[in-house]
């Protein structure tokens, strides 16, 4: 698990726009990075649509929203098209970045433990440091909690 004030692990993943993206490409602005289990499933669709509905507010705070799952780029394209999502989706098919962020590991569902994606969100500041980490996210009210945290946090020296 990552902790507050820890440098966010950099990564390089292909996006739904067919470009390779590095987290460091976004330094200089806050980033909301959310890991979700699977495109087009009820909980993930709700979460993605709520982030999408709040994009105007995130953009007003000069904050980029990025979703990451193990799904293929073709799956991401269907997901974005079906729900008119306007933010970047990255594909992490081997789960390497999920593991770096602690967003993959043991989960318990109905008393049974298995390995899987742990729905997680990270708020990363302009300098690339984690300012908040949410693990085992429950979708209801989560996007509002992220917005509330973003609004309350001071801007770093890059934006002063």
N, C-alpha and C. Protein backbone atom coordinates (compact mmCIF):
# COMPACT_ATOMS: atom_id res chain seq x y z
N UNK A 1 0.83 -1.18 0.00
CA UNK A 1 0.00 0.00 0.00
C UNK A 1 0.87 1.25 0.00
N UNK A 2 0.43 2.22 -0.75
CA UNK A 2 1.15 3.48 -0.81
C UNK A 2 0.64 4.40 0.30
N UNK A 3 1.49 5.30 0.71
CA UNK A 3 1.12 6.20 1.80
C UNK A 3 1.22 7.66 1.36
N UNK A 4 0.56 8.52 2.10
CA UNK A 4 0.57 9.94 1.82
C UNK A 4 2.00 10.48 1.88
N UNK A 5 2.31 11.39 0.99
CA UNK A 5 3.62 12.03 0.83
C UNK A 5 4.68 11.12 0.20
N UNK A 6 4.29 9.94 -0.23
CA UNK A 6 5.19 9.05 -0.97
C UNK A 6 5.13 9.43 -2.45
N UNK A 7 6.27 9.37 -3.12
CA UNK A 7 6.29 9.64 -4.56
C UNK A 7 5.46 8.56 -5.26
N UNK A 8 4.55 8.98 -6.12
CA UNK A 8 3.72 8.04 -6.86
C UNK A 8 4.60 7.28 -7.85
N UNK A 9 4.49 5.96 -7.89
CA UNK A 9 5.30 5.20 -8.85
C UNK A 9 4.99 5.62 -10.29
N UNK A 10 6.02 5.91 -11.04
CA UNK A 10 5.84 6.25 -12.44
C UNK A 10 5.55 4.97 -13.21
N UNK A 11 4.91 5.10 -14.33
CA UNK A 11 4.59 3.92 -15.15
C UNK A 11 4.47 4.37 -16.59
N UNK A 12 4.37 3.40 -17.46
CA UNK A 12 4.18 3.65 -18.88
C UNK A 12 3.15 2.63 -19.37
N UNK A 13 1.96 3.12 -19.75
CA UNK A 13 0.87 2.24 -20.21
C UNK A 13 0.23 2.82 -21.46
N UNK A 14 -0.31 1.92 -22.27
CA UNK A 14 -1.02 2.35 -23.46
C UNK A 14 -2.43 2.77 -23.10
N UNK A 15 -2.87 3.86 -23.74
CA UNK A 15 -4.20 4.38 -23.48
C UNK A 15 -5.18 4.07 -24.59
N UNK A 16 -6.44 4.36 -24.30
CA UNK A 16 -7.50 4.12 -25.28
C UNK A 16 -7.32 4.98 -26.53
N UNK A 17 -6.45 5.97 -26.47
CA UNK A 17 -6.14 6.82 -27.63
C UNK A 17 -4.97 6.26 -28.45
N UNK A 18 -4.53 5.04 -28.13
CA UNK A 18 -3.43 4.34 -28.80
C UNK A 18 -2.07 4.97 -28.56
N UNK A 19 -1.96 5.89 -27.61
CA UNK A 19 -0.68 6.48 -27.24
C UNK A 19 -0.20 5.87 -25.93
N UNK A 20 1.12 5.91 -25.75
CA UNK A 20 1.70 5.46 -24.49
C UNK A 20 1.76 6.66 -23.56
N UNK A 21 1.30 6.47 -22.33
CA UNK A 21 1.26 7.54 -21.35
C UNK A 21 2.09 7.16 -20.14
N UNK A 22 2.82 8.13 -19.63
CA UNK A 22 3.57 7.97 -18.39
C UNK A 22 2.94 8.89 -17.36
N UNK A 23 2.94 8.47 -16.12
CA UNK A 23 2.41 9.35 -15.07
C UNK A 23 3.19 10.66 -15.06
N UNK A 24 4.49 10.57 -15.27
CA UNK A 24 5.33 11.78 -15.24
C UNK A 24 4.93 12.80 -16.30
N UNK A 25 4.23 12.36 -17.37
CA UNK A 25 3.74 13.29 -18.38
C UNK A 25 2.75 14.29 -17.79
N UNK A 26 2.13 13.93 -16.68
CA UNK A 26 1.07 14.74 -16.09
C UNK A 26 1.56 15.57 -14.89
N UNK A 27 2.82 15.40 -14.50
CA UNK A 27 3.33 16.19 -13.38
C UNK A 27 3.25 17.66 -13.76
N UNK A 28 2.94 18.48 -12.80
CA UNK A 28 2.68 19.89 -13.04
C UNK A 28 1.20 20.20 -12.85
N UNK A 29 0.41 19.15 -12.68
CA UNK A 29 -1.02 19.29 -12.40
C UNK A 29 -1.46 18.13 -11.51
N UNK A 30 -2.50 18.31 -10.72
CA UNK A 30 -2.99 17.19 -9.92
C UNK A 30 -3.57 16.10 -10.83
N UNK A 31 -3.50 14.86 -10.36
CA UNK A 31 -4.04 13.72 -11.09
C UNK A 31 -4.87 12.86 -10.13
N UNK A 32 -6.03 12.47 -10.61
CA UNK A 32 -6.82 11.44 -9.92
C UNK A 32 -6.63 10.18 -10.73
N UNK A 33 -6.05 9.18 -10.10
CA UNK A 33 -5.78 7.90 -10.73
C UNK A 33 -6.67 6.87 -10.06
N UNK A 34 -7.61 6.27 -10.82
CA UNK A 34 -8.46 5.28 -10.19
C UNK A 34 -8.36 3.94 -10.90
N UNK A 35 -8.22 2.91 -10.09
CA UNK A 35 -8.11 1.53 -10.56
C UNK A 35 -9.47 0.87 -10.36
N UNK A 36 -9.94 0.20 -11.39
CA UNK A 36 -11.25 -0.45 -11.31
C UNK A 36 -11.16 -1.85 -11.92
N UNK A 37 -12.02 -2.76 -11.48
CA UNK A 37 -11.90 -4.16 -11.91
C UNK A 37 -12.21 -4.45 -13.38
N UNK A 38 -13.32 -3.94 -13.93
CA UNK A 38 -13.71 -4.40 -15.26
C UNK A 38 -14.65 -3.44 -15.96
N UNK A 39 -14.33 -3.16 -17.23
CA UNK A 39 -15.20 -2.33 -18.05
C UNK A 39 -16.60 -2.94 -18.14
N UNK A 40 -17.59 -2.05 -18.24
CA UNK A 40 -18.98 -2.43 -18.53
C UNK A 40 -19.65 -3.28 -17.46
N UNK A 41 -19.12 -3.28 -16.25
CA UNK A 41 -19.80 -3.96 -15.15
C UNK A 41 -20.52 -2.89 -14.33
N UNK A 42 -21.55 -3.26 -13.59
CA UNK A 42 -22.38 -2.24 -12.92
C UNK A 42 -21.62 -1.27 -12.03
N UNK A 43 -20.81 -1.76 -11.10
CA UNK A 43 -20.09 -0.87 -10.18
C UNK A 43 -19.07 -0.01 -10.90
N UNK A 44 -18.35 -0.59 -11.83
CA UNK A 44 -17.32 0.16 -12.56
C UNK A 44 -17.96 1.19 -13.49
N UNK A 45 -19.11 0.86 -14.07
CA UNK A 45 -19.81 1.80 -14.91
C UNK A 45 -20.31 2.98 -14.08
N UNK A 46 -20.87 2.70 -12.92
CA UNK A 46 -21.34 3.78 -12.05
C UNK A 46 -20.18 4.70 -11.66
N UNK A 47 -19.06 4.10 -11.24
CA UNK A 47 -17.90 4.90 -10.83
C UNK A 47 -17.39 5.76 -11.99
N UNK A 48 -17.21 5.15 -13.15
CA UNK A 48 -16.69 5.88 -14.30
C UNK A 48 -17.64 7.01 -14.72
N UNK A 49 -18.94 6.73 -14.73
CA UNK A 49 -19.91 7.75 -15.11
C UNK A 49 -19.94 8.90 -14.10
N UNK A 50 -19.77 8.60 -12.83
CA UNK A 50 -19.73 9.66 -11.82
C UNK A 50 -18.47 10.52 -11.97
N UNK A 51 -17.33 9.90 -12.26
CA UNK A 51 -16.13 10.69 -12.54
C UNK A 51 -16.37 11.56 -13.77
N UNK A 52 -16.99 10.98 -14.79
CA UNK A 52 -17.25 11.72 -16.02
C UNK A 52 -18.18 12.92 -15.77
N UNK A 53 -19.21 12.72 -14.96
CA UNK A 53 -20.15 13.81 -14.65
C UNK A 53 -19.46 14.94 -13.88
N UNK A 54 -18.42 14.60 -13.14
CA UNK A 54 -17.71 15.60 -12.33
C UNK A 54 -16.50 16.20 -13.05
N UNK A 55 -16.30 15.85 -14.30
CA UNK A 55 -15.10 16.32 -15.02
C UNK A 55 -14.99 17.84 -15.07
N UNK A 56 -16.09 18.54 -15.22
CA UNK A 56 -16.04 20.00 -15.27
C UNK A 56 -15.43 20.55 -13.98
N UNK A 57 -15.82 19.97 -12.85
CA UNK A 57 -15.29 20.42 -11.57
C UNK A 57 -13.81 20.06 -11.45
N UNK A 58 -13.44 18.85 -11.87
CA UNK A 58 -12.02 18.47 -11.84
C UNK A 58 -11.20 19.39 -12.74
N UNK A 59 -11.71 19.66 -13.94
CA UNK A 59 -10.98 20.52 -14.87
C UNK A 59 -10.85 21.95 -14.33
N UNK A 60 -11.88 22.42 -13.61
CA UNK A 60 -11.79 23.75 -13.00
C UNK A 60 -10.66 23.82 -11.98
N UNK A 61 -10.31 22.68 -11.41
CA UNK A 61 -9.19 22.58 -10.47
C UNK A 61 -7.92 22.13 -11.20
N UNK A 62 -7.95 22.16 -12.54
CA UNK A 62 -6.80 21.77 -13.38
C UNK A 62 -6.31 20.36 -13.05
N UNK A 63 -7.25 19.47 -12.81
CA UNK A 63 -6.94 18.10 -12.40
C UNK A 63 -7.33 17.12 -13.50
N UNK A 64 -6.42 16.20 -13.81
CA UNK A 64 -6.65 15.17 -14.81
C UNK A 64 -7.17 13.91 -14.12
N UNK A 65 -8.19 13.30 -14.72
CA UNK A 65 -8.74 12.03 -14.23
C UNK A 65 -8.32 10.93 -15.19
N UNK A 66 -7.78 9.84 -14.63
CA UNK A 66 -7.32 8.70 -15.43
C UNK A 66 -7.83 7.42 -14.78
N UNK A 67 -8.45 6.56 -15.58
CA UNK A 67 -8.88 5.25 -15.11
C UNK A 67 -7.95 4.17 -15.63
N UNK A 68 -7.69 3.16 -14.79
CA UNK A 68 -6.82 2.04 -15.18
C UNK A 68 -7.51 0.73 -14.83
N UNK A 69 -7.52 -0.17 -15.80
CA UNK A 69 -7.97 -1.55 -15.55
C UNK A 69 -7.12 -2.48 -16.39
N UNK A 70 -7.31 -3.76 -16.17
CA UNK A 70 -6.55 -4.76 -16.95
C UNK A 70 -7.19 -5.02 -18.32
N UNK A 71 -8.33 -4.40 -18.58
CA UNK A 71 -9.04 -4.64 -19.83
C UNK A 71 -8.25 -4.18 -21.04
N UNK A 72 -8.58 -4.76 -22.18
CA UNK A 72 -7.91 -4.43 -23.44
C UNK A 72 -8.31 -3.05 -23.93
N UNK A 73 -7.55 -2.53 -24.87
CA UNK A 73 -7.88 -1.24 -25.47
C UNK A 73 -9.20 -1.30 -26.21
N UNK A 74 -9.50 -2.43 -26.83
CA UNK A 74 -10.79 -2.59 -27.52
C UNK A 74 -11.95 -2.53 -26.52
N UNK A 75 -11.77 -3.16 -25.37
CA UNK A 75 -12.79 -3.10 -24.33
C UNK A 75 -12.97 -1.67 -23.83
N UNK A 76 -11.84 -0.97 -23.62
CA UNK A 76 -11.90 0.43 -23.19
C UNK A 76 -12.66 1.28 -24.22
N UNK A 77 -12.42 1.03 -25.50
CA UNK A 77 -13.10 1.80 -26.55
C UNK A 77 -14.61 1.58 -26.49
N UNK A 78 -15.04 0.34 -26.29
CA UNK A 78 -16.47 0.05 -26.17
C UNK A 78 -17.06 0.74 -24.94
N UNK A 79 -16.33 0.68 -23.83
CA UNK A 79 -16.77 1.28 -22.57
C UNK A 79 -16.94 2.79 -22.74
N UNK A 80 -15.92 3.44 -23.31
CA UNK A 80 -15.98 4.89 -23.51
C UNK A 80 -17.11 5.28 -24.45
N UNK A 81 -17.26 4.53 -25.52
CA UNK A 81 -18.29 4.84 -26.50
C UNK A 81 -19.69 4.66 -25.92
N UNK A 82 -19.92 3.57 -25.24
CA UNK A 82 -21.25 3.28 -24.70
C UNK A 82 -21.68 4.31 -23.66
N UNK A 83 -20.72 4.83 -22.87
CA UNK A 83 -21.06 5.73 -21.77
C UNK A 83 -20.55 7.16 -21.97
N UNK A 84 -20.07 7.47 -23.17
CA UNK A 84 -19.59 8.82 -23.51
C UNK A 84 -18.59 9.34 -22.48
N UNK A 85 -17.63 8.49 -22.11
CA UNK A 85 -16.61 8.88 -21.14
C UNK A 85 -15.60 9.79 -21.82
N UNK A 86 -15.20 10.84 -21.13
CA UNK A 86 -14.31 11.85 -21.72
C UNK A 86 -12.93 11.91 -21.07
N UNK A 87 -12.57 10.91 -20.32
CA UNK A 87 -11.24 10.90 -19.70
C UNK A 87 -10.47 9.68 -20.20
N UNK A 88 -9.18 9.71 -19.98
CA UNK A 88 -8.27 8.69 -20.46
C UNK A 88 -8.43 7.38 -19.69
N UNK A 89 -8.48 6.27 -20.43
CA UNK A 89 -8.46 4.94 -19.84
C UNK A 89 -7.18 4.25 -20.27
N UNK A 90 -6.45 3.70 -19.31
CA UNK A 90 -5.20 3.00 -19.59
C UNK A 90 -5.37 1.51 -19.37
N UNK A 91 -4.65 0.72 -20.16
CA UNK A 91 -4.71 -0.73 -20.07
C UNK A 91 -3.45 -1.27 -19.38
N UNK A 92 -3.68 -2.06 -18.35
CA UNK A 92 -2.59 -2.69 -17.58
C UNK A 92 -2.82 -4.20 -17.57
N UNK A 93 -2.66 -4.85 -18.75
CA UNK A 93 -3.07 -6.25 -18.88
C UNK A 93 -2.32 -7.23 -17.98
N UNK A 94 -1.07 -6.92 -17.63
CA UNK A 94 -0.32 -7.84 -16.77
C UNK A 94 -0.41 -7.44 -15.29
N UNK A 95 -1.19 -6.40 -15.00
CA UNK A 95 -1.46 -5.93 -13.63
C UNK A 95 -0.22 -5.38 -12.91
N UNK A 96 0.84 -5.10 -13.64
CA UNK A 96 2.09 -4.62 -13.01
C UNK A 96 1.88 -3.30 -12.28
N UNK A 97 1.16 -2.37 -12.89
CA UNK A 97 0.95 -1.07 -12.25
C UNK A 97 -0.04 -1.21 -11.10
N UNK A 98 -1.06 -2.05 -11.28
CA UNK A 98 -1.98 -2.34 -10.18
C UNK A 98 -1.19 -2.79 -8.94
N UNK A 99 -0.25 -3.69 -9.16
CA UNK A 99 0.54 -4.23 -8.05
C UNK A 99 1.43 -3.16 -7.43
N UNK A 100 2.02 -2.28 -8.25
CA UNK A 100 2.85 -1.19 -7.73
C UNK A 100 2.06 -0.31 -6.77
N UNK A 101 0.79 -0.11 -7.08
CA UNK A 101 -0.06 0.78 -6.30
C UNK A 101 -0.84 0.06 -5.21
N UNK A 102 -0.67 -1.25 -5.09
CA UNK A 102 -1.42 -2.01 -4.09
C UNK A 102 -2.88 -2.19 -4.46
N UNK A 103 -3.18 -2.07 -5.74
CA UNK A 103 -4.56 -2.19 -6.23
C UNK A 103 -4.85 -3.60 -6.75
N UNK A 104 -4.01 -4.54 -6.39
CA UNK A 104 -4.25 -5.95 -6.73
C UNK A 104 -3.74 -6.77 -5.56
N UNK A 105 -4.55 -7.71 -5.12
CA UNK A 105 -4.14 -8.54 -4.01
C UNK A 105 -5.30 -9.37 -3.48
N UNK A 106 -5.15 -9.89 -2.26
CA UNK A 106 -6.20 -10.72 -1.69
C UNK A 106 -7.47 -9.91 -1.40
N UNK A 107 -8.61 -10.49 -1.76
CA UNK A 107 -9.92 -9.89 -1.52
C UNK A 107 -10.82 -10.96 -0.92
N UNK A 108 -11.74 -10.55 -0.08
CA UNK A 108 -12.69 -11.50 0.48
C UNK A 108 -14.08 -11.11 0.05
N UNK A 109 -14.78 -12.07 -0.53
CA UNK A 109 -16.16 -11.86 -0.97
C UNK A 109 -16.98 -13.06 -0.53
N UNK A 110 -18.01 -12.79 0.26
CA UNK A 110 -18.86 -13.84 0.80
C UNK A 110 -18.06 -14.91 1.54
N UNK A 111 -17.04 -14.47 2.27
CA UNK A 111 -16.23 -15.37 3.08
C UNK A 111 -15.14 -16.12 2.33
N UNK A 112 -15.06 -15.92 1.03
CA UNK A 112 -14.05 -16.61 0.22
C UNK A 112 -12.97 -15.61 -0.18
N UNK A 113 -11.71 -15.98 0.05
CA UNK A 113 -10.58 -15.11 -0.29
C UNK A 113 -10.01 -15.52 -1.65
N UNK A 114 -9.77 -14.51 -2.48
CA UNK A 114 -9.16 -14.75 -3.79
C UNK A 114 -8.32 -13.54 -4.15
N UNK A 115 -7.50 -13.66 -5.17
CA UNK A 115 -6.72 -12.53 -5.66
C UNK A 115 -7.54 -11.78 -6.70
N UNK A 116 -7.45 -10.46 -6.66
CA UNK A 116 -8.19 -9.68 -7.64
C UNK A 116 -7.85 -8.21 -7.55
N UNK A 117 -8.49 -7.44 -8.41
CA UNK A 117 -8.30 -5.99 -8.42
C UNK A 117 -9.02 -5.39 -7.22
N UNK A 118 -8.32 -4.54 -6.50
CA UNK A 118 -8.87 -3.83 -5.36
C UNK A 118 -9.20 -2.42 -5.84
N UNK A 119 -10.49 -2.10 -5.89
CA UNK A 119 -10.90 -0.78 -6.36
C UNK A 119 -10.20 0.28 -5.50
N UNK A 120 -9.38 1.11 -6.13
CA UNK A 120 -8.53 2.06 -5.40
C UNK A 120 -8.43 3.36 -6.18
N UNK A 121 -8.27 4.46 -5.45
CA UNK A 121 -8.12 5.78 -6.06
C UNK A 121 -6.99 6.52 -5.36
N UNK A 122 -6.22 7.27 -6.16
CA UNK A 122 -5.10 8.03 -5.64
C UNK A 122 -5.20 9.46 -6.13
N UNK A 123 -5.02 10.38 -5.22
CA UNK A 123 -4.92 11.79 -5.56
C UNK A 123 -3.44 12.14 -5.50
N UNK A 124 -2.92 12.57 -6.63
CA UNK A 124 -1.49 12.84 -6.78
C UNK A 124 -1.32 14.32 -7.06
N UNK A 125 -0.43 14.97 -6.32
CA UNK A 125 -0.28 16.42 -6.49
C UNK A 125 0.59 16.76 -7.70
N UNK A 126 0.76 18.05 -7.91
CA UNK A 126 1.48 18.56 -9.07
C UNK A 126 2.92 18.10 -9.14
N UNK A 127 3.49 17.75 -8.00
CA UNK A 127 4.89 17.34 -7.95
C UNK A 127 5.05 15.81 -7.98
N UNK A 128 3.94 15.10 -8.13
CA UNK A 128 3.99 13.65 -8.25
C UNK A 128 3.95 12.88 -6.94
N UNK A 129 3.50 13.54 -5.86
CA UNK A 129 3.40 12.87 -4.56
C UNK A 129 1.94 12.55 -4.24
N UNK A 130 1.75 11.43 -3.60
CA UNK A 130 0.40 11.01 -3.22
C UNK A 130 -0.07 11.87 -2.05
N UNK A 131 -1.22 12.51 -2.23
CA UNK A 131 -1.79 13.32 -1.16
C UNK A 131 -2.97 12.61 -0.49
N UNK A 132 -3.50 11.58 -1.15
CA UNK A 132 -4.59 10.79 -0.55
C UNK A 132 -4.68 9.49 -1.30
N UNK A 133 -4.90 8.41 -0.56
CA UNK A 133 -5.10 7.09 -1.16
C UNK A 133 -6.35 6.46 -0.56
N UNK A 134 -7.21 5.96 -1.43
CA UNK A 134 -8.40 5.25 -1.00
C UNK A 134 -8.27 3.80 -1.50
N UNK A 135 -8.34 2.84 -0.60
CA UNK A 135 -8.34 1.43 -0.95
C UNK A 135 -9.69 0.83 -0.60
N UNK A 136 -10.04 -0.24 -1.30
CA UNK A 136 -11.32 -0.93 -1.08
C UNK A 136 -12.47 0.07 -1.17
N UNK A 137 -12.45 0.83 -2.24
CA UNK A 137 -13.43 1.89 -2.47
C UNK A 137 -14.83 1.32 -2.63
N UNK A 138 -15.77 1.97 -1.98
CA UNK A 138 -17.19 1.73 -2.23
C UNK A 138 -17.62 2.86 -3.17
N UNK A 139 -18.31 2.50 -4.23
CA UNK A 139 -18.63 3.45 -5.29
C UNK A 139 -19.51 4.60 -4.80
N UNK A 140 -20.50 4.32 -4.00
CA UNK A 140 -21.45 5.34 -3.58
C UNK A 140 -20.73 6.47 -2.84
N UNK A 141 -20.92 7.70 -3.33
CA UNK A 141 -20.36 8.92 -2.76
C UNK A 141 -18.83 9.05 -2.88
N UNK A 142 -18.19 8.12 -3.57
CA UNK A 142 -16.73 8.16 -3.65
C UNK A 142 -16.22 9.36 -4.45
N UNK A 143 -16.80 9.62 -5.60
CA UNK A 143 -16.32 10.72 -6.43
C UNK A 143 -16.46 12.04 -5.67
N UNK A 144 -17.54 12.20 -4.93
CA UNK A 144 -17.71 13.42 -4.14
C UNK A 144 -16.62 13.52 -3.07
N UNK A 145 -16.26 12.40 -2.46
CA UNK A 145 -15.19 12.40 -1.46
C UNK A 145 -13.86 12.82 -2.08
N UNK A 146 -13.60 12.37 -3.29
CA UNK A 146 -12.37 12.76 -3.99
C UNK A 146 -12.40 14.26 -4.27
N UNK A 147 -13.52 14.76 -4.77
CA UNK A 147 -13.65 16.19 -5.03
C UNK A 147 -13.47 17.02 -3.76
N UNK A 148 -14.11 16.59 -2.68
CA UNK A 148 -13.99 17.31 -1.41
C UNK A 148 -12.54 17.38 -0.96
N UNK A 149 -11.82 16.29 -1.10
CA UNK A 149 -10.42 16.25 -0.70
C UNK A 149 -9.59 17.17 -1.60
N UNK A 150 -9.84 17.12 -2.88
CA UNK A 150 -9.11 17.97 -3.83
C UNK A 150 -9.32 19.45 -3.52
N UNK A 151 -10.54 19.82 -3.24
CA UNK A 151 -10.87 21.22 -2.97
C UNK A 151 -10.21 21.71 -1.68
N UNK A 152 -10.09 20.83 -0.70
CA UNK A 152 -9.52 21.21 0.60
C UNK A 152 -8.00 21.27 0.61
N UNK A 153 -7.35 20.56 -0.31
CA UNK A 153 -5.89 20.50 -0.23
C UNK A 153 -5.25 21.75 -0.83
N UNK A 154 -4.19 22.22 -0.21
CA UNK A 154 -3.50 23.39 -0.75
C UNK A 154 -2.74 23.03 -2.02
N UNK A 155 -2.60 23.99 -2.88
CA UNK A 155 -1.79 23.77 -4.09
C UNK A 155 -0.32 23.77 -3.68
N UNK A 156 0.48 23.00 -4.40
CA UNK A 156 1.91 22.94 -4.10
C UNK A 156 2.62 24.13 -4.74
N UNK A 157 3.91 24.19 -4.52
CA UNK A 157 4.70 25.33 -4.99
C UNK A 157 4.66 25.50 -6.50
N UNK A 158 4.37 24.45 -7.23
CA UNK A 158 4.33 24.58 -8.70
C UNK A 158 3.22 25.50 -9.17
N UNK A 159 2.13 25.58 -8.39
CA UNK A 159 0.99 26.37 -8.82
C UNK A 159 0.77 27.61 -7.97
N UNK A 160 1.71 27.98 -7.17
CA UNK A 160 1.55 29.17 -6.33
C UNK A 160 1.93 30.41 -7.08
